[in-house]
PDB file of N, CA and C in Angstrom:
ATOM      1  N   MET A   1      59.012 -13.197  17.820  1.00  0.00           N
ATOM      2  CA  MET A   1      59.619 -13.609  19.072  1.00  0.00           C
ATOM      3  C   MET A   1      60.392 -14.955  18.751  1.00  0.00           C
ATOM      4  N   ALA A   2      61.474 -14.932  19.292  1.00  0.00           N
ATOM      5  CA  ALA A   2      62.213 -16.248  19.285  1.00  0.00           C
ATOM      6  C   ALA A   2      63.065 -16.269  20.574  1.00  0.00           C
ATOM      7  N   VAL A   3      63.039 -17.476  21.135  1.00  0.00           N
ATOM      8  CA  VAL A   3      63.909 -17.542  22.309  1.00  0.00           C
ATOM      9  C   VAL A   3      64.570 -19.012  22.227  1.00  0.00           C
ATOM     10  N   THR A   4      65.981 -18.807  22.566  1.00  0.00           N
ATOM     11  CA  THR A   4      66.696 -20.026  22.464  1.00  0.00           C
ATOM     12  C   THR A   4      67.119 -20.440  23.970  1.00  0.00           C
ATOM     13  N   VAL A   5      66.831 -21.610  24.391  1.00  0.00           N
ATOM     14  CA  VAL A   5      67.304 -22.020  25.711  1.00  0.00           C
ATOM     15  C   VAL A   5      68.255 -23.026  25.774  1.00  0.00           C
ATOM     16  N   GLU A   6      69.478 -22.868  26.265  1.00  0.00           N
ATOM     17  CA  GLU A   6      70.526 -23.793  26.407  1.00  0.00           C
ATOM     18  C   GLU A   6      70.726 -24.212  27.940  1.00  0.00           C
ATOM     19  N   MET A   7      70.766 -25.470  28.262  1.00  0.00           N
ATOM     20  CA  MET A   7      71.127 -25.875  29.404  1.00  0.00           C
ATOM     21  C   MET A   7      72.343 -26.945  29.479  1.00  0.00           C
ATOM     22  N   HIS A   8      73.248 -26.820  30.335  1.00  0.00           N
ATOM     23  CA  HIS A   8      74.257 -27.670  30.294  1.00  0.00           C
ATOM     24  C   HIS A   8      74.889 -28.091  31.808  1.00  0.00           C
ATOM     25  N   ASN A   9      74.916 -29.372  31.966  1.00  0.00           N
ATOM     26  CA  ASN A   9      75.436 -29.880  33.290  1.00  0.00           C
ATOM     27  C   ASN A   9      74.404 -29.650  34.410  1.00  0.00           C
ATOM     28  N   THR A  10      73.119 -29.666  34.074  1.00  0.00           N
ATOM     29  CA  THR A  10      72.056 -29.461  35.150  1.00  0.00           C
ATOM     30  C   THR A  10      71.475 -30.718  35.702  1.00  0.00           C
ATOM     31  N   GLY A  11      71.789 -31.841  35.200  1.00  0.00           N
ATOM     32  CA  GLY A  11      71.263 -33.074  35.747  1.00  0.00           C
ATOM     33  C   GLY A  11      70.159 -33.798  35.073  1.00  0.00           C
ATOM     34  N   ASP A  12      68.908 -34.010  35.772  1.00  0.00           N
ATOM     35  CA  ASP A  12      67.695 -34.544  35.400  1.00  0.00           C
ATOM     36  C   ASP A  12      67.353 -34.048  34.077  1.00  0.00           C
ATOM     37  N   PRO A  13      67.166 -34.863  33.025  1.00  0.00           N
ATOM     38  CA  PRO A  13      66.602 -34.467  31.690  1.00  0.00           C
ATOM     39  C   PRO A  13      65.157 -34.079  31.858  1.00  0.00           C
ATOM     40  N   THR A  14      64.439 -34.616  32.642  1.00  0.00           N
ATOM     41  CA  THR A  14      62.963 -34.461  32.854  1.00  0.00           C
ATOM     42  C   THR A  14      62.784 -32.855  33.140  1.00  0.00           C
ATOM     43  N   LEU A  15      63.709 -32.752  34.363  1.00  0.00           N
ATOM     44  CA  LEU A  15      63.579 -31.407  34.723  1.00  0.00           C
ATOM     45  C   LEU A  15      64.042 -30.267  33.917  1.00  0.00           C
ATOM     46  N   GLN A  16      65.134 -30.628  33.081  1.00  0.00           N
ATOM     47  CA  GLN A  16      65.683 -29.821  31.964  1.00  0.00           C
ATOM     48  C   GLN A  16      64.511 -29.451  30.973  1.00  0.00           C
ATOM     49  N   ARG A  17      63.860 -30.461  30.438  1.00  0.00           N
ATOM     50  CA  ARG A  17      62.646 -30.171  29.598  1.00  0.00           C
ATOM     51  C   ARG A  17      61.632 -29.198  30.285  1.00  0.00           C
ATOM     52  N   GLU A  18      61.154 -29.626  31.407  1.00  0.00           N
ATOM     53  CA  GLU A  18      60.275 -28.763  32.125  1.00  0.00           C
ATOM     54  C   GLU A  18      60.715 -27.217  32.210  1.00  0.00           C
ATOM     55  N   LEU A  19      61.947 -26.999  32.557  1.00  0.00           N
ATOM     56  CA  LEU A  19      62.554 -25.682  32.650  1.00  0.00           C
ATOM     57  C   LEU A  19      62.615 -24.897  31.236  1.00  0.00           C
ATOM     58  N   GLU A  20      62.841 -25.650  30.284  1.00  0.00           N
ATOM     59  CA  GLU A  20      62.818 -25.046  28.986  1.00  0.00           C
ATOM     60  C   GLU A  20      61.525 -24.769  28.574  1.00  0.00           C
ATOM     61  N   ALA A  21      60.512 -25.557  28.955  1.00  0.00           N
ATOM     62  CA  ALA A  21      59.190 -25.170  28.529  1.00  0.00           C
ATOM     63  C   ALA A  21      58.600 -23.935  29.165  1.00  0.00           C
ATOM     64  N   ILE A  22      58.846 -23.923  30.552  1.00  0.00           N
ATOM     65  CA  ILE A  22      58.531 -22.650  31.353  1.00  0.00           C
ATOM     66  C   ILE A  22      59.083 -21.444  30.699  1.00  0.00           C
ATOM     67  N   ILE A  23      60.460 -21.526  30.446  1.00  0.00           N
ATOM     68  CA  ILE A  23      61.143 -20.339  29.895  1.00  0.00           C
ATOM     69  C   ILE A  23      60.573 -20.055  28.549  1.00  0.00           C
ATOM     70  N   GLU A  24      60.355 -20.861  27.776  1.00  0.00           N
ATOM     71  CA  GLU A  24      59.720 -20.498  26.500  1.00  0.00           C
ATOM     72  C   GLU A  24      58.457 -19.781  26.580  1.00  0.00           C
ATOM     73  N   HIS A  25      57.619 -20.292  27.682  1.00  0.00           N
ATOM     74  CA  HIS A  25      56.229 -19.638  27.819  1.00  0.00           C
ATOM     75  C   HIS A  25      56.397 -18.302  28.298  1.00  0.00           C
ATOM     76  N   ILE A  26      57.333 -17.954  29.088  1.00  0.00           N
ATOM     77  CA  ILE A  26      57.578 -16.684  29.693  1.00  0.00           C
ATOM     78  C   ILE A  26      57.999 -15.644  28.531  1.00  0.00           C
ATOM     79  N   PHE A  27      58.753 -16.123  27.475  1.00  0.00           N
ATOM     80  CA  PHE A  27      59.078 -15.189  26.447  1.00  0.00           C
ATOM     81  C   PHE A  27      58.192 -15.363  25.249  1.00  0.00           C
ATOM     82  N   ALA A  28      57.057 -16.100  25.353  1.00  0.00           N
ATOM     83  CA  ALA A  28      56.147 -16.354  24.179  1.00  0.00           C
ATOM     84  C   ALA A  28      55.540 -14.894  23.609  1.00  0.00           C
ATOM     85  N   ASP A  29      55.226 -14.028  24.396  1.00  0.00           N
ATOM     86  CA  ASP A  29      54.756 -12.678  24.069  1.00  0.00           C
ATOM     87  C   ASP A  29      55.657 -11.619  23.993  1.00  0.00           C
ATOM     88  N   ARG A  30      56.957 -11.819  24.092  1.00  0.00           N
ATOM     89  CA  ARG A  30      57.871 -10.789  24.089  1.00  0.00           C
ATOM     90  C   ARG A  30      58.527 -10.615  22.724  1.00  0.00           C
ATOM     91  N   SER A  31      58.607  -9.497  22.314  1.00  0.00           N
ATOM     92  CA  SER A  31      59.333  -9.164  20.893  1.00  0.00           C
ATOM     93  C   SER A  31      60.848  -9.331  21.012  1.00  0.00           C
ATOM     94  N   GLY A  32      61.346  -9.503  19.930  1.00  0.00           N
ATOM     95  CA  GLY A  32      62.810  -9.820  19.780  1.00  0.00           C
ATOM     96  C   GLY A  32      63.294 -11.063  20.028  1.00  0.00           C
ATOM     97  N   ASP A  33      64.730 -11.304  19.714  1.00  0.00           N
ATOM     98  CA  ASP A  33      65.315 -12.554  19.915  1.00  0.00           C
ATOM     99  C   ASP A  33      66.012 -12.595  21.284  1.00  0.00           C
ATOM    100  N   TRP A  34      65.683 -13.688  22.073  1.00  0.00           N
ATOM    101  CA  TRP A  34      66.243 -13.957  23.408  1.00  0.00           C
ATOM    102  C   TRP A  34      66.950 -15.170  23.522  1.00  0.00           C
ATOM    103  N   ARG A  35      67.884 -15.207  24.423  1.00  0.00           N
ATOM    104  CA  ARG A  35      68.678 -16.358  24.729  1.00  0.00           C
ATOM    105  C   ARG A  35      68.879 -16.462  26.101  1.00  0.00           C
ATOM    106  N   VAL A  36      68.463 -17.758  26.675  1.00  0.00           N
ATOM    107  CA  VAL A  36      68.707 -18.107  28.011  1.00  0.00           C
ATOM    108  C   VAL A  36      69.659 -19.252  28.210  1.00  0.00           C
ATOM    109  N   VAL A  37      70.762 -19.214  28.872  1.00  0.00           N
ATOM    110  CA  VAL A  37      71.876 -20.124  29.036  1.00  0.00           C
ATOM    111  C   VAL A  37      71.890 -20.491  30.436  1.00  0.00           C
ATOM    112  N   ILE A  38      71.698 -21.670  30.826  1.00  0.00           N
ATOM    113  CA  ILE A  38      72.009 -22.092  32.268  1.00  0.00           C
ATOM    114  C   ILE A  38      72.970 -23.235  32.255  1.00  0.00           C
ATOM    115  N   LEU A  39      74.192 -22.869  33.036  1.00  0.00           N
ATOM    116  CA  LEU A  39      75.360 -23.755  33.107  1.00  0.00           C
ATOM    117  C   LEU A  39      75.293 -24.150  34.501  1.00  0.00           C
ATOM    118  N   GLY A  40      75.298 -25.576  34.752  1.00  0.00           N
ATOM    119  CA  GLY A  40      75.362 -26.230  36.091  1.00  0.00           C
ATOM    120  C   GLY A  40      76.964 -26.415  36.234  1.00  0.00           C
ATOM    121  N   SER A  41      77.288 -26.842  37.561  1.00  0.00           N
ATOM    122  CA  SER A  41      78.581 -27.178  37.850  1.00  0.00           C
ATOM    123  C   SER A  41      78.588 -28.447  38.578  1.00  0.00           C
ATOM    124  N   GLN A  42      79.639 -29.284  38.186  1.00  0.00           N
ATOM    125  CA  GLN A  42      79.999 -30.563  38.981  1.00  0.00           C
ATOM    126  C   GLN A  42      80.584 -30.216  40.318  1.00  0.00           C
ATOM    127  N   ALA A  43      81.108 -29.064  40.608  1.00  0.00           N
ATOM    128  CA  ALA A  43      81.803 -28.838  41.637  1.00  0.00           C
ATOM    129  C   ALA A  43      80.975 -28.291  42.940  1.00  0.00           C
ATOM    130  N   ASN A  44      79.750 -27.748  42.502  1.00  0.00           N
ATOM    131  CA  ASN A  44      78.791 -27.329  43.621  1.00  0.00           C
ATOM    132  C   ASN A  44      77.415 -27.304  43.073  1.00  0.00           C
ATOM    133  N   ASP A  45      76.543 -26.754  43.905  1.00  0.00           N
ATOM    134  CA  ASP A  45      75.018 -26.815  43.749  1.00  0.00           C
ATOM    135  C   ASP A  45      74.645 -25.459  43.095  1.00  0.00           C
ATOM    136  N   ARG A  46      75.373 -24.860  42.287  1.00  0.00           N
ATOM    137  CA  ARG A  46      75.053 -23.472  41.769  1.00  0.00           C
ATOM    138  C   ARG A  46      74.891 -23.665  40.260  1.00  0.00           C
ATOM    139  N   TRP A  47      73.885 -23.032  39.674  1.00  0.00           N
ATOM    140  CA  TRP A  47      73.702 -22.856  38.155  1.00  0.00           C
ATOM    141  C   TRP A  47      73.870 -21.465  37.938  1.00  0.00           C
ATOM    142  N   GLU A  48      74.708 -21.031  36.809  1.00  0.00           N
ATOM    143  CA  GLU A  48      74.737 -19.727  36.313  1.00  0.00           C
ATOM    144  C   GLU A  48      73.850 -19.471  35.169  1.00  0.00           C
ATOM    145  N   MET A  49      73.041 -18.408  35.412  1.00  0.00           N
ATOM    146  CA  MET A  49      72.043 -18.241  34.307  1.00  0.00           C
ATOM    147  C   MET A  49      72.277 -16.858  33.867  1.00  0.00           C
ATOM    148  N   LYS A  50      72.351 -16.917  32.383  1.00  0.00           N
ATOM    149  CA  LYS A  50      72.479 -15.555  31.629  1.00  0.00           C
ATOM    150  C   LYS A  50      71.434 -15.441  30.604  1.00  0.00           C
ATOM    151  N   ILE A  51      70.799 -14.173  30.695  1.00  0.00           N
ATOM    152  CA  ILE A  51      69.701 -13.986  29.755  1.00  0.00           C
ATOM    153  C   ILE A  51      70.180 -12.863  28.832  1.00  0.00           C
ATOM    154  N   THR A  52      70.082 -12.886  27.522  1.00  0.00           N
ATOM    155  CA  THR A  52      70.390 -11.869  26.726  1.00  0.00           C
ATOM    156  C   THR A  52      69.178 -11.661  25.737  1.00  0.00           C
ATOM    157  N   GLY A  53      68.996 -10.213  25.142  1.00  0.00           N
ATOM    158  CA  GLY A  53      68.006 -10.062  24.359  1.00  0.00           C
ATOM    159  C   GLY A  53      68.175  -8.651  23.673  1.00  0.00           C
ATOM    160  N   PRO A  54      67.080  -8.276  22.967  1.00  0.00           N
ATOM    161  CA  PRO A  54      67.132  -7.179  22.209  1.00  0.00           C
ATOM    162  C   PRO A  54      67.579  -5.789  23.013  1.00  0.00           C
ATOM    163  N   ASN A  55      67.984  -4.746  22.280  1.00  0.00           N
ATOM    164  CA  ASN A  55      68.511  -3.499  22.687  1.00  0.00           C
ATOM    165  C   ASN A  55      69.705  -3.883  23.769  1.00  0.00           C
ATOM    166  N   ALA A  56      70.589  -4.741  23.500  1.00  0.00           N
ATOM    167  CA  ALA A  56      71.643  -4.946  24.446  1.00  0.00           C
ATOM    168  C   ALA A  56      71.367  -5.457  25.744  1.00  0.00           C
ATOM    169  N   PHE A  57      70.150  -6.044  25.996  1.00  0.00           N
ATOM    170  CA  PHE A  57      69.706  -6.571  27.255  1.00  0.00           C
ATOM    171  C   PHE A  57      70.648  -7.693  27.757  1.00  0.00           C
ATOM    172  N   GLU A  58      70.998  -7.702  28.912  1.00  0.00           N
ATOM    173  CA  GLU A  58      71.871  -8.646  29.438  1.00  0.00           C
ATOM    174  C   GLU A  58      71.694  -8.859  31.023  1.00  0.00           C
ATOM    175  N   ARG A  59      71.490  -9.866  31.514  1.00  0.00           N
ATOM    176  CA  ARG A  59      71.288 -10.057  32.959  1.00  0.00           C
ATOM    177  C   ARG A  59      72.047 -11.425  33.107  1.00  0.00           C
ATOM    178  N   SER A  60      72.566 -11.593  34.433  1.00  0.00           N
ATOM    179  CA  SER A  60      73.012 -12.751  34.905  1.00  0.00           C
ATOM    180  C   SER A  60      72.529 -13.112  36.390  1.00  0.00           C
ATOM    181  N   TYR A  61      72.347 -14.379  36.803  1.00  0.00           N
ATOM    182  CA  TYR A  61      71.910 -14.721  38.140  1.00  0.00           C
ATOM    183  C   TYR A  61      72.580 -16.076  38.417  1.00  0.00           C
ATOM    184  N   THR A  62      72.761 -16.326  39.740  1.00  0.00           N
ATOM    185  CA  THR A  62      73.215 -17.638  40.248  1.00  0.00           C
ATOM    186  C   THR A  62      71.921 -18.297  40.921  1.00  0.00           C
ATOM    187  N   LEU A  63      71.755 -19.330  40.387  1.00  0.00           N
ATOM    188  CA  LEU A  63      70.582 -20.084  40.980  1.00  0.00           C
ATOM    189  C   LEU A  63      71.189 -21.120  42.042  1.00  0.00           C
ATOM    190  N   GLU A  64      70.743 -21.020  43.345  1.00  0.00           N
ATOM    191  CA  GLU A  64      71.348 -21.794  44.459  1.00  0.00           C
ATOM    192  C   GLU A  64      70.512 -22.962  44.518  1.00  0.00           C
ATOM    193  N   GLY A  65      70.892 -24.312  44.301  1.00  0.00           N
ATOM    194  CA  GLY A  65      70.252 -25.396  44.500  1.00  0.00           C
ATOM    195  C   GLY A  65      69.608 -25.705  45.854  1.00  0.00           C
ATOM    196  N   GLU A  66      70.486 -25.344  47.063  1.00  0.00           N
ATOM    197  CA  GLU A  66      69.995 -25.714  48.241  1.00  0.00           C
ATOM    198  C   GLU A  66      69.008 -24.616  48.863  1.00  0.00           C
ATOM    199  N   LEU A  67      68.848 -23.578  48.022  1.00  0.00           N
ATOM    200  CA  LEU A  67      67.815 -22.695  48.419  1.00  0.00           C
ATOM    201  C   LEU A  67      66.464 -22.925  47.567  1.00  0.00           C
ATOM    202  N   GLY A  68      66.517 -23.935  46.834  1.00  0.00           N
ATOM    203  CA  GLY A  68      65.318 -24.343  46.152  1.00  0.00           C
ATOM    204  C   GLY A  68      65.217 -23.605  44.680  1.00  0.00           C
ATOM    205  N   GLN A  69      66.322 -23.027  44.342  1.00  0.00           N
ATOM    206  CA  GLN A  69      66.245 -22.095  43.088  1.00  0.00           C
ATOM    207  C   GLN A  69      66.443 -23.080  41.734  1.00  0.00           C
ATOM    208  N   HIS A  70      66.565 -24.439  41.867  1.00  0.00           N
ATOM    209  CA  HIS A  70      66.521 -25.179  40.724  1.00  0.00           C
ATOM    210  C   HIS A  70      65.015 -25.631  40.295  1.00  0.00           C
ATOM    211  N   GLU A  71      64.073 -25.405  41.225  1.00  0.00           N
ATOM    212  CA  GLU A  71      62.705 -25.806  41.126  1.00  0.00           C
ATOM    213  C   GLU A  71      62.084 -24.863  39.908  1.00  0.00           C
ATOM    214  N   PRO A  72      61.391 -25.493  39.146  1.00  0.00           N
ATOM    215  CA  PRO A  72      60.896 -24.854  37.944  1.00  0.00           C
ATOM    216  C   PRO A  72      59.970 -23.586  38.211  1.00  0.00           C
ATOM    217  N   PRO A  73      59.040 -23.735  39.251  1.00  0.00           N
ATOM    218  CA  PRO A  73      58.240 -22.443  39.632  1.00  0.00           C
ATOM    219  C   PRO A  73      59.059 -21.327  40.157  1.00  0.00           C
ATOM    220  N   VAL A  74      60.253 -21.749  40.917  1.00  0.00           N
ATOM    221  CA  VAL A  74      61.165 -20.769  41.409  1.00  0.00           C
ATOM    222  C   VAL A  74      61.986 -20.035  40.253  1.00  0.00           C
ATOM    223  N   VAL A  75      62.370 -20.984  39.290  1.00  0.00           N
ATOM    224  CA  VAL A  75      63.075 -20.235  38.182  1.00  0.00           C
ATOM    225  C   VAL A  75      62.252 -19.462  37.267  1.00  0.00           C
ATOM    226  N   ALA A  76      60.956 -20.010  37.229  1.00  0.00           N
ATOM    227  CA  ALA A  76      60.066 -19.198  36.343  1.00  0.00           C
ATOM    228  C   ALA A  76      59.894 -17.780  37.061  1.00  0.00           C
ATOM    229  N   ALA A  77      59.798 -17.617  38.318  1.00  0.00           N
ATOM    230  CA  ALA A  77      59.580 -16.332  39.091  1.00  0.00           C
ATOM    231  C   ALA A  77      60.667 -15.522  38.950  1.00  0.00           C
ATOM    232  N   ILE A  78      61.955 -16.134  38.958  1.00  0.00           N
ATOM    233  CA  ILE A  78      63.221 -15.260  38.958  1.00  0.00           C
ATOM    234  C   ILE A  78      63.334 -14.708  37.483  1.00  0.00           C
ATOM    235  N   VAL A  79      63.215 -15.457  36.451  1.00  0.00           N
ATOM    236  CA  VAL A  79      63.111 -15.120  35.125  1.00  0.00           C
ATOM    237  C   VAL A  79      62.216 -13.976  34.799  1.00  0.00           C
ATOM    238  N   SER A  80      61.056 -14.148  35.311  1.00  0.00           N
ATOM    239  CA  SER A  80      59.958 -13.191  35.108  1.00  0.00           C
ATOM    240  C   SER A  80      60.355 -11.822  35.610  1.00  0.00           C
ATOM    241  N   ARG A  81      61.003 -11.824  36.774  1.00  0.00           N
ATOM    242  CA  ARG A  81      61.418 -10.526  37.317  1.00  0.00           C
ATOM    243  C   ARG A  81      62.581  -9.925  36.739  1.00  0.00           C
ATOM    244  N   MET A  82      63.361 -10.651  36.124  1.00  0.00           N
ATOM    245  CA  MET A  82      64.521 -10.152  35.481  1.00  0.00           C
ATOM    246  C   MET A  82      64.294  -9.471  34.075  1.00  0.00           C
ATOM    247  N   VAL A  83      63.267  -9.787  33.349  1.00  0.00           N
ATOM    248  CA  VAL A  83      63.107  -9.532  31.981  1.00  0.00           C
ATOM    249  C   VAL A  83      62.045  -8.331  32.050  1.00  0.00           C
ATOM    250  N   PRO A  84      62.180  -7.397  31.073  1.00  0.00           N
ATOM    251  CA  PRO A  84      61.166  -6.340  30.946  1.00  0.00           C
ATOM    252  C   PRO A  84      59.791  -6.925  30.682  1.00  0.00           C
ATOM    253  N   THR A  85      58.835  -5.831  31.155  1.00  0.00           N
ATOM    254  CA  THR A  85      57.480  -6.266  30.890  1.00  0.00           C
ATOM    255  C   THR A  85      57.308  -6.503  29.263  1.00  0.00           C
ATOM    256  N   LYS A  86      56.185  -7.294  29.115  1.00  0.00           N
ATOM    257  CA  LYS A  86      55.827  -7.681  27.773  1.00  0.00           C
ATOM    258  C   LYS A  86      55.552  -6.396  27.013  1.00  0.00           C
ATOM    259  N   THR A  87      56.176  -6.373  25.636  1.00  0.00           N
ATOM    260  CA  THR A  87      55.702  -5.366  24.756  1.00  0.00           C
ATOM    261  C   THR A  87      55.034  -5.791  23.561  1.00  0.00           C
TER     262      THR A  87
END
């Protein structure tokens, strides 16, 4: 298992580290190489998240800040729903 987490323009470095740790934990028991990229915007309160993985897995999601989707537990729940069950 390997997961790479990239975050750009998301603001608070402490929040960024917490999100990285949570995402790494979600992928800890999953096989294959995974990549999660979260890109913030200076123009609005949206983060674009893209997850890629083995077997051509690819998912995208827009995290809306005003809906609380920048909070680590919410991001964890969304990521967990987006990826296949552990194998």
